[in-house]
Structure formats: structure tokens, C-alpha cells
Amino acid sequence: MAWLNTLKAANKSALVQDGRRKIHYTLPDQREMVEEYDMKTGDLFVRKWRKRQLLGGEGDWDFEIGDNFHQPPSILKGDLMRESNSNPIMTRKDTKECFQWRIRNLPYPLSTYSVTVDDGPRCCVIKTSNKKYYKKFTIPDLDRAEIPLDQEAVSLAHANNTLIVSYKKPAVIHQMEKEIRSELLKLKTAKEGDVECNPS
């Protein structure tokens, strides 16, 4: 699979820090990717990307999985407006069986929500029957593996003002994740303070 071959060809380093194994990739196109795995469970907590700037230097990290707890308030970056804490906030945190997204600050009952899959533009669309919320999102893992989207793989749950959207991982993704884990086991891992490493 092309994406698996890309990861194998990437320059990789590993560091154990704060109970997580952090893997830093530099891909052949010079994009950077960092993944953070729980040392005990092997769960993937963070996947983030960074592109090289046109004039050199390093840009901001773009989080695909996990929260950016270290991001400074937008107003410090010169923005005139700061996002309200009461607005819906969407984050992704996968399980072993599913890709999963959590949208906080959505108080409506479960029957209000629907998620449809559109394989044309390759996106999922969340709607509410009361027209209070609308969101399009993609599943980059399936795009990278060139796997068609499947409406039957989608399920919904709702609790504590949070909508939980799950998408069951296809068998091809499970196999690819298994091969990636096997590849990462070959990687020498440093402990914090041993060597200089990039997975910040």
C-alpha cells in the first residue's frame, strides 16, 4: 500500500516522554508528522502535521487526532475575536475498533442528529433536524489508503452534551495498523534527556 511504503521510507525517531512513545516522521516531501502512543495500552492519542513554510522556518502543528492543549489563545496571535467556549468543539480520539469524533457543547437529544456519507467529495456530513448544527469532515486515513466510504460503518451516541460519531475501521485499516506497529517496533527509542529528538 502506497501510504505504508511512504511511512517506511520516512526518516523516523522515537522518544519516551510523559508515559507516551512519541514518533517523529519526516516524509519524503519534507512534511513532518508526530504520533503519540500510550506506553501501556498502545492507543494512539495524538497525530499532528507540520509543513515547511515557503520562506523557510517551521509552521504551526495541525492536529488530526487529539487536542492541542498548548495552543495559545487566538487573540494572542493578533486575531480580533476569540472562539467562545460554548461553541461546539470537535476533536478526534480513536478506539482500536473505530475512528471516533467527539463534538462537545451539543445539548440536543440523539434523535436530532444525522450523519451521511458522501463518497463523491469523500466527506461525512453531520446535520441536526433543528438546523442548529452543520459540519463536514473527512477521514484522512481512508483517503490515504484510497478506501471508499461506507454509510453502514457510521454510528452515533450522545451523552453529557457531547455527540460521539464512530466509523468502524475496515479490515484493510486494521492490517495496515498492524504492519505500522510492527515497523515501529524496529525503531530504537530514546528516553527523555538521552538524545535530542524532534517530536514536540
C-alpha atoms as a PDB file:
ATOM      1  CA  MET A   1       0.000   0.000   0.000  1.00  0.00           C
ATOM      2  CA  ALA A   2       1.371   3.393  -1.048  1.00  0.00           C
ATOM      3  CA  TRP A   3       0.867   5.122   2.328  1.00  0.00           C
ATOM      4  CA  LEU A   4       2.544   2.286   4.215  1.00  0.00           C
ATOM      5  CA  ASN A   5       5.504   2.487   1.845  1.00  0.00           C
ATOM      6  CA  THR A   6       5.681   6.248   2.419  1.00  0.00           C
ATOM      7  CA  LEU A   7       5.905   5.715   6.185  1.00  0.00           C
ATOM      8  CA  LYS A   8       8.570   3.062   5.753  1.00  0.00           C
ATOM      9  CA  ALA A   9      10.615   5.469   3.609  1.00  0.00           C
ATOM     10  CA  ALA A  10      10.287   8.354   6.080  1.00  0.00           C
ATOM     11  CA  ASN A  11      13.065   9.361   8.436  1.00  0.00           C
ATOM     12  CA  LYS A  12      11.870   8.361  11.907  1.00  0.00           C
ATOM     13  CA  SER A  13      12.931   8.920  15.503  1.00  0.00           C
ATOM     14  CA  ALA A  14      11.279   7.842  18.763  1.00  0.00           C
ATOM     15  CA  LEU A  15      11.251   9.260  22.272  1.00  0.00           C
ATOM     16  CA  VAL A  16       9.573   8.137  25.503  1.00  0.00           C
ATOM     17  CA  GLN A  17       8.198  11.141  27.365  1.00  0.00           C
ATOM     18  CA  ASP A  18       5.390  11.576  29.939  1.00  0.00           C
ATOM     19  CA  GLY A  19       4.251   7.974  29.612  1.00  0.00           C
ATOM     20  CA  ARG A  20       3.948   8.192  25.847  1.00  0.00           C
ATOM     21  CA  ARG A  21       6.062   6.939  22.965  1.00  0.00           C
ATOM     22  CA  LYS A  22       6.403   9.802  20.506  1.00  0.00           C
ATOM     23  CA  ILE A  23       7.296   9.021  16.901  1.00  0.00           C
ATOM     24  CA  HIS A  24       8.576  11.819  14.687  1.00  0.00           C
ATOM     25  CA  TYR A  25       8.415  11.302  10.910  1.00  0.00           C
ATOM     26  CA  THR A  26       9.974  13.416   8.190  1.00  0.00           C
ATOM     27  CA  LEU A  27       8.305  12.334   4.953  1.00  0.00           C
ATOM     28  CA  PRO A  28       9.976  12.380   1.531  1.00  0.00           C
ATOM     29  CA  ASP A  29       8.064  15.593   0.666  1.00  0.00           C
ATOM     30  CA  GLN A  30       9.517  17.201   3.865  1.00  0.00           C
ATOM     31  CA  ARG A  31       6.213  17.251   5.742  1.00  0.00           C
ATOM     32  CA  GLU A  32       6.537  16.326   9.406  1.00  0.00           C
ATOM     33  CA  MET A  33       4.183  14.036  11.315  1.00  0.00           C
ATOM     34  CA  VAL A  34       4.234  13.221  15.029  1.00  0.00           C
ATOM     35  CA  GLU A  35       2.286  10.391  16.644  1.00  0.00           C
ATOM     36  CA  GLU A  36       1.984   9.788  20.380  1.00  0.00           C
ATOM     37  CA  TYR A  37       1.134   6.309  21.706  1.00  0.00           C
ATOM     38  CA  ASP A  38       0.236   5.312  25.264  1.00  0.00           C
ATOM     39  CA  MET A  39       3.057   3.157  26.615  1.00  0.00           C
ATOM     40  CA  LYS A  40       0.723   0.764  28.444  1.00  0.00           C
ATOM     41  CA  THR A  41      -2.205   0.336  26.051  1.00  0.00           C
ATOM     42  CA  GLY A  42      -0.628   1.227  22.718  1.00  0.00           C
ATOM     43  CA  ASP A  43      -3.538   3.582  21.995  1.00  0.00           C
ATOM     44  CA  LEU A  44      -2.849   6.458  19.609  1.00  0.00           C
ATOM     45  CA  PHE A  45      -3.537   9.767  21.410  1.00  0.00           C
ATOM     46  CA  VAL A  46      -2.100  12.336  19.009  1.00  0.00           C
ATOM     47  CA  ARG A  47      -1.352  12.653  15.310  1.00  0.00           C
ATOM     48  CA  LYS A  48      -0.263  16.079  14.117  1.00  0.00           C
ATOM     49  CA  TRP A  49       1.241  17.507  10.942  1.00  0.00           C
ATOM     50  CA  ARG A  50       3.507  20.402  10.034  1.00  0.00           C
ATOM     51  CA  LYS A  51       4.520  21.713   6.610  1.00  0.00           C
ATOM     52  CA  ARG A  52       7.642  23.663   5.768  1.00  0.00           C
ATOM     53  CA  GLN A  53       6.988  27.343   5.144  1.00  0.00           C
ATOM     54  CA  LEU A  54       7.666  28.785   1.679  1.00  0.00           C
ATOM     55  CA  LEU A  55      10.226  31.209   3.111  1.00  0.00           C
ATOM     56  CA  GLY A  56      11.748  28.620   5.402  1.00  0.00           C
ATOM     57  CA  GLY A  57      11.121  28.101   9.083  1.00  0.00           C
ATOM     58  CA  GLU A  58       8.513  25.949  10.772  1.00  0.00           C
ATOM     59  CA  GLY A  59       4.749  26.419  10.722  1.00  0.00           C
ATOM     60  CA  ASP A  60       2.133  25.549  13.334  1.00  0.00           C
ATOM     61  CA  TRP A  61       1.113  21.974  14.058  1.00  0.00           C
ATOM     62  CA  ASP A  62      -2.201  20.845  12.551  1.00  0.00           C
ATOM     63  CA  PHE A  63      -3.861  18.226  14.767  1.00  0.00           C
ATOM     64  CA  GLU A  64      -5.535  15.284  13.003  1.00  0.00           C
ATOM     65  CA  ILE A  65      -6.069  13.296  16.231  1.00  0.00           C
ATOM     66  CA  GLY A  66      -6.120  14.672  19.763  1.00  0.00           C
ATOM     67  CA  ASP A  67      -6.339  18.129  21.328  1.00  0.00           C
ATOM     68  CA  ASN A  68      -3.890  20.980  21.058  1.00  0.00           C
ATOM     69  CA  PHE A  69      -3.645  21.845  24.749  1.00  0.00           C
ATOM     70  CA  HIS A  70      -0.586  24.038  24.193  1.00  0.00           C
ATOM     71  CA  GLN A  71      -2.109  26.302  21.553  1.00  0.00           C
ATOM     72  CA  PRO A  72      -2.101  29.920  22.767  1.00  0.00           C
ATOM     73  CA  PRO A  73      -5.375  31.857  22.711  1.00  0.00           C
ATOM     74  CA  SER A  74      -6.117  33.179  19.232  1.00  0.00           C
ATOM     75  CA  ILE A  75      -6.207  36.741  20.498  1.00  0.00           C
ATOM     76  CA  LEU A  76      -2.500  36.469  21.282  1.00  0.00           C
ATOM     77  CA  LYS A  77      -1.888  35.732  17.609  1.00  0.00           C
ATOM     78  CA  GLY A  78      -3.453  39.026  16.602  1.00  0.00           C
ATOM     79  CA  ASP A  79      -6.977  37.761  15.918  1.00  0.00           C
ATOM     80  CA  LEU A  80      -9.710  40.183  16.862  1.00  0.00           C
ATOM     81  CA  MET A  81     -12.130  37.540  18.037  1.00  0.00           C
ATOM     82  CA  ARG A  82     -11.699  34.526  20.297  1.00  0.00           C
ATOM     83  CA  GLU A  83     -13.787  31.374  19.867  1.00  0.00           C
ATOM     84  CA  SER A  84     -16.482  31.075  22.525  1.00  0.00           C
ATOM     85  CA  ASN A  85     -16.183  28.213  24.992  1.00  0.00           C
ATOM     86  CA  SER A  86     -19.885  27.498  24.427  1.00  0.00           C
ATOM     87  CA  ASN A  87     -19.454  26.819  20.698  1.00  0.00           C
ATOM     88  CA  PRO A  88     -19.390  23.185  19.519  1.00  0.00           C
ATOM     89  CA  ILE A  89     -15.827  21.838  19.661  1.00  0.00           C
ATOM     90  CA  MET A  90     -14.895  18.810  17.546  1.00  0.00           C
ATOM     91  CA  THR A  91     -11.936  16.583  18.395  1.00  0.00           C
ATOM     92  CA  ARG A  92     -10.923  13.136  17.260  1.00  0.00           C
ATOM     93  CA  LYS A  93      -9.918  10.289  19.565  1.00  0.00           C
ATOM     94  CA  ASP A  94      -9.881   6.827  18.000  1.00  0.00           C
ATOM     95  CA  THR A  95     -10.507   3.454  19.597  1.00  0.00           C
ATOM     96  CA  LYS A  96      -8.986   0.174  18.477  1.00  0.00           C
ATOM     97  CA  GLU A  97     -12.141  -0.649  16.502  1.00  0.00           C
ATOM     98  CA  CYS A  98     -13.310   2.773  15.309  1.00  0.00           C
ATOM     99  CA  PHE A  99     -12.308   6.198  14.096  1.00  0.00           C
ATOM    100  CA  GLN A 100     -14.146   8.446  16.539  1.00  0.00           C
ATOM    101  CA  TRP A 101     -15.026  12.133  16.809  1.00  0.00           C
ATOM    102  CA  ARG A 102     -16.481  13.941  19.814  1.00  0.00           C
ATOM    103  CA  ILE A 103     -18.356  17.223  19.416  1.00  0.00           C
ATOM    104  CA  ARG A 104     -18.790  18.956  22.758  1.00  0.00           C
ATOM    105  CA  ASN A 105     -21.453  21.579  23.587  1.00  0.00           C
ATOM    106  CA  LEU A 106     -24.251  19.909  21.617  1.00  0.00           C
ATOM    107  CA  PRO A 107     -27.193  19.613  24.064  1.00  0.00           C
ATOM    108  CA  TYR A 108     -29.837  18.261  21.684  1.00  0.00           C
ATOM    109  CA  PRO A 109     -31.207  14.688  22.002  1.00  0.00           C
ATOM    110  CA  LEU A 110     -29.702  11.898  19.898  1.00  0.00           C
ATOM    111  CA  SER A 111     -32.721  11.775  17.583  1.00  0.00           C
ATOM    112  CA  THR A 112     -31.859  15.319  16.422  1.00  0.00           C
ATOM    113  CA  TYR A 113     -28.651  14.273  14.652  1.00  0.00           C
ATOM    114  CA  SER A 114     -27.899  12.535  11.382  1.00  0.00           C
ATOM    115  CA  VAL A 115     -24.605  11.703   9.685  1.00  0.00           C
ATOM    116  CA  THR A 116     -24.489  10.980   5.975  1.00  0.00           C
ATOM    117  CA  VAL A 117     -21.553   9.765   3.904  1.00  0.00           C
ATOM    118  CA  ASP A 118     -20.846  11.322   0.520  1.00  0.00           C
ATOM    119  CA  ASP A 119     -18.224   9.344  -1.367  1.00  0.00           C
ATOM    120  CA  GLY A 120     -18.128  11.919  -4.179  1.00  0.00           C
ATOM    121  CA  PRO A 121     -16.252  14.642  -2.277  1.00  0.00           C
ATOM    122  CA  ARG A 122     -15.213  11.931   0.221  1.00  0.00           C
ATOM    123  CA  CYS A 123     -16.671  13.521   3.330  1.00  0.00           C
ATOM    124  CA  CYS A 124     -19.131  12.913   6.144  1.00  0.00           C
ATOM    125  CA  VAL A 125     -21.829  15.457   6.964  1.00  0.00           C
ATOM    126  CA  ILE A 126     -23.374  15.998  10.392  1.00  0.00           C
ATOM    127  CA  LYS A 127     -26.759  17.726  10.456  1.00  0.00           C
ATOM    128  CA  THR A 128     -29.389  18.486  13.071  1.00  0.00           C
ATOM    129  CA  SER A 129     -33.107  18.431  12.345  1.00  0.00           C
ATOM    130  CA  ASN A 130     -33.463  21.784  14.143  1.00  0.00           C
ATOM    131  CA  LYS A 131     -30.798  23.281  11.829  1.00  0.00           C
ATOM    132  CA  LYS A 132     -28.641  24.354  14.774  1.00  0.00           C
ATOM    133  CA  TYR A 133     -25.502  22.494  13.709  1.00  0.00           C
ATOM    134  CA  TYR A 134     -23.905  21.510  10.397  1.00  0.00           C
ATOM    135  CA  LYS A 135     -20.418  20.092   9.932  1.00  0.00           C
ATOM    136  CA  LYS A 136     -18.460  18.432   7.122  1.00  0.00           C
ATOM    137  CA  PHE A 137     -15.389  16.359   7.912  1.00  0.00           C
ATOM    138  CA  THR A 138     -13.116  13.906   6.158  1.00  0.00           C
ATOM    139  CA  ILE A 139     -11.405  10.689   7.244  1.00  0.00           C
ATOM    140  CA  PRO A 140      -7.783  11.174   6.154  1.00  0.00           C
ATOM    141  CA  ASP A 141      -6.864   7.554   6.970  1.00  0.00           C
ATOM    142  CA  LEU A 142      -9.316   6.297   4.350  1.00  0.00           C
ATOM    143  CA  ASP A 143      -8.200   8.941   1.847  1.00  0.00           C
ATOM    144  CA  ARG A 144      -4.547   7.925   2.235  1.00  0.00           C
ATOM    145  CA  ALA A 145      -5.474   4.253   1.786  1.00  0.00           C
ATOM    146  CA  GLU A 146      -7.881   5.084  -1.087  1.00  0.00           C
ATOM    147  CA  ILE A 147     -10.727   3.192   0.598  1.00  0.00           C
ATOM    148  CA  PRO A 148     -14.349   4.080  -0.314  1.00  0.00           C
ATOM    149  CA  LEU A 149     -16.581   5.470   2.432  1.00  0.00           C
ATOM    150  CA  ASP A 150     -19.344   3.236   3.797  1.00  0.00           C
ATOM    151  CA  GLN A 151     -22.562   4.585   5.310  1.00  0.00           C
ATOM    152  CA  GLU A 152     -23.064   1.330   7.238  1.00  0.00           C
ATOM    153  CA  ALA A 153     -19.827   1.924   9.152  1.00  0.00           C
ATOM    154  CA  VAL A 154     -21.227   5.058  10.856  1.00  0.00           C
ATOM    155  CA  SER A 155     -22.856   5.048  14.297  1.00  0.00           C
ATOM    156  CA  LEU A 156     -23.918   7.777  16.749  1.00  0.00           C
ATOM    157  CA  ALA A 157     -24.150   8.185  20.513  1.00  0.00           C
ATOM    158  CA  HIS A 158     -24.856  11.152  22.762  1.00  0.00           C
ATOM    159  CA  ALA A 159     -24.026  11.804  26.420  1.00  0.00           C
ATOM    160  CA  ASN A 160     -23.138  14.808  28.613  1.00  0.00           C
ATOM    161  CA  ASN A 161     -23.856  17.337  25.844  1.00  0.00           C
ATOM    162  CA  THR A 162     -21.389  15.513  23.592  1.00  0.00           C
ATOM    163  CA  LEU A 163     -22.173  13.879  20.252  1.00  0.00           C
ATOM    164  CA  ILE A 164     -19.982  10.839  19.549  1.00  0.00           C
ATOM    165  CA  VAL A 165     -19.576   9.839  15.893  1.00  0.00           C
ATOM    166  CA  SER A 166     -17.926   6.470  15.278  1.00  0.00           C
ATOM    167  CA  TYR A 167     -16.797   4.946  11.997  1.00  0.00           C
ATOM    168  CA  LYS A 168     -15.888   1.259  12.101  1.00  0.00           C
ATOM    169  CA  LYS A 169     -12.403   0.653  10.771  1.00  0.00           C
ATOM    170  CA  PRO A 170     -12.338  -1.629   7.703  1.00  0.00           C
ATOM    171  CA  ALA A 171     -10.193  -4.752   7.723  1.00  0.00           C
ATOM    172  CA  VAL A 172      -7.615  -3.122   5.431  1.00  0.00           C
ATOM    173  CA  ILE A 173      -7.002  -0.386   8.038  1.00  0.00           C
ATOM    174  CA  HIS A 174      -6.588  -2.958  10.830  1.00  0.00           C
ATOM    175  CA  GLN A 175      -3.995  -4.781   8.732  1.00  0.00           C
ATOM    176  CA  MET A 176      -2.156  -1.570   7.909  1.00  0.00           C
ATOM    177  CA  GLU A 177      -2.096  -0.503  11.575  1.00  0.00           C
ATOM    178  CA  LYS A 178      -0.683  -3.918  12.473  1.00  0.00           C
ATOM    179  CA  GLU A 179       2.104  -3.523   9.910  1.00  0.00           C
ATOM    180  CA  ILE A 180       2.870   0.011  11.115  1.00  0.00           C
ATOM    181  CA  ARG A 181       3.135  -1.185  14.731  1.00  0.00           C
ATOM    182  CA  SER A 182       5.484  -3.934  13.591  1.00  0.00           C
ATOM    183  CA  GLU A 183       7.597  -1.382  11.723  1.00  0.00           C
ATOM    184  CA  LEU A 184       7.762   0.934  14.746  1.00  0.00           C
ATOM    185  CA  LEU A 185       8.951  -1.902  16.994  1.00  0.00           C
ATOM    186  CA  LYS A 186      12.157  -1.939  14.944  1.00  0.00           C
ATOM    187  CA  LEU A 187      12.779   1.708  15.797  1.00  0.00           C
ATOM    188  CA  LYS A 188      15.266   2.462  18.564  1.00  0.00           C
ATOM    189  CA  THR A 189      13.556   4.518  21.278  1.00  0.00           C
ATOM    190  CA  ALA A 190      15.372   7.115  23.373  1.00  0.00           C
ATOM    191  CA  LYS A 191      14.273   8.239  26.809  1.00  0.00           C
ATOM    192  CA  GLU A 192      13.759  11.885  27.659  1.00  0.00           C
ATOM    193  CA  GLY A 193      17.150  13.525  28.198  1.00  0.00           C
ATOM    194  CA  ASP A 194      19.131  10.823  26.362  1.00  0.00           C
ATOM    195  CA  VAL A 195      19.355  12.440  22.930  1.00  0.00           C
ATOM    196  CA  GLU A 196      17.983  15.401  21.093  1.00  0.00           C
ATOM    197  CA  CYS A 197      14.726  14.476  19.366  1.00  0.00           C
ATOM    198  CA  ASN A 198      12.083  16.361  17.386  1.00  0.00           C
ATOM    199  CA  PRO A 199       8.635  15.008  18.461  1.00  0.00           C
ATOM    200  CA  SER A 200       7.471  18.109  20.309  1.00  0.00           C
END
